[in-house]
Amino acid sequence: MESSSPSGKVSEPPAHRWTHVMGIAIAMLTLTLPMLVIAYYSSNQAVPSPSTRIYLDNPRE
């Protein structure tokens, strides 16, 4: 065994419960927020500009 290697098990400090909750909340926002924003803005129908309406009302022959 090398003298520089740790002997036995290295105990990690217990993870805080709030870190897991915050991680889950951030993950859920990361996954859902973009979809909600895209759905909100894609459902708004754009009003055609006046030039488009004139062209569609009076087709050129």
Protein backbone atom coordinates (compact mmCIF):
# COMPACT_ATOMS: atom_id res chain seq x y z
CA MET A 1 0.00 0.00 0.00
CA GLU A 2 1.30 3.44 -0.83
CA SER A 3 1.72 5.95 1.92
CA SER A 4 0.07 8.74 -0.06
CA SER A 5 -3.16 6.84 -0.66
CA PRO A 6 -5.98 7.30 1.87
CA SER A 7 -6.55 4.35 4.10
CA GLY A 8 -10.06 3.05 4.66
CA LYS A 9 -13.26 4.61 3.44
CA VAL A 10 -13.47 8.32 2.89
CA SER A 11 -16.72 9.53 4.39
CA GLU A 12 -18.58 12.13 2.42
CA PRO A 13 -20.60 14.76 4.25
CA PRO A 14 -24.32 14.04 4.11
CA ALA A 15 -26.06 15.80 1.24
CA HIS A 16 -28.53 18.45 2.26
CA ARG A 17 -32.13 17.76 1.44
CA TRP A 18 -32.67 21.25 0.02
CA THR A 19 -29.95 20.76 -2.57
CA HIS A 20 -31.88 17.83 -4.02
CA VAL A 21 -35.14 19.78 -3.97
CA MET A 22 -33.53 22.77 -5.68
CA GLY A 23 -31.91 20.50 -8.26
CA ILE A 24 -35.25 18.91 -9.09
CA ALA A 25 -36.94 22.33 -9.30
CA ILE A 26 -34.26 23.67 -11.65
CA ALA A 27 -34.47 20.53 -13.80
CA MET A 28 -38.25 20.79 -14.06
CA LEU A 29 -38.07 24.48 -15.00
CA THR A 30 -35.39 23.74 -17.56
CA LEU A 31 -37.55 21.08 -19.18
CA THR A 32 -40.97 22.73 -19.00
CA LEU A 33 -40.41 26.48 -19.30
CA PRO A 34 -39.13 26.45 -22.91
CA MET A 35 -42.07 24.31 -24.02
CA LEU A 36 -44.56 26.61 -22.30
CA VAL A 37 -43.03 29.72 -23.84
CA ILE A 38 -43.02 28.16 -27.32
CA ALA A 39 -46.62 27.02 -26.93
CA TYR A 40 -47.70 30.48 -25.75
CA TYR A 41 -46.08 32.39 -28.57
CA SER A 42 -46.95 29.91 -31.30
CA SER A 43 -50.65 30.04 -30.41
CA ASN A 44 -50.83 33.79 -31.10
CA GLN A 45 -51.97 34.31 -34.66
CA ALA A 46 -50.23 37.06 -36.56
CA VAL A 47 -52.37 39.67 -38.29
CA PRO A 48 -51.50 39.86 -41.98
CA SER A 49 -50.05 43.13 -43.12
CA PRO A 50 -52.20 45.45 -45.29
CA SER A 51 -50.06 44.81 -48.37
CA THR A 52 -50.76 41.08 -48.09
CA ARG A 53 -54.48 41.68 -47.85
CA ILE A 54 -54.49 43.92 -50.91
CA TYR A 55 -52.54 41.36 -52.89
CA LEU A 56 -54.89 38.54 -51.86
CA ASP A 57 -58.03 40.61 -52.50
CA ASN A 58 -56.89 41.80 -55.94
CA PRO A 59 -54.89 39.07 -57.64
CA ARG A 60 -52.96 40.20 -60.68
CA GLU A 61 -53.74 38.54 -63.95
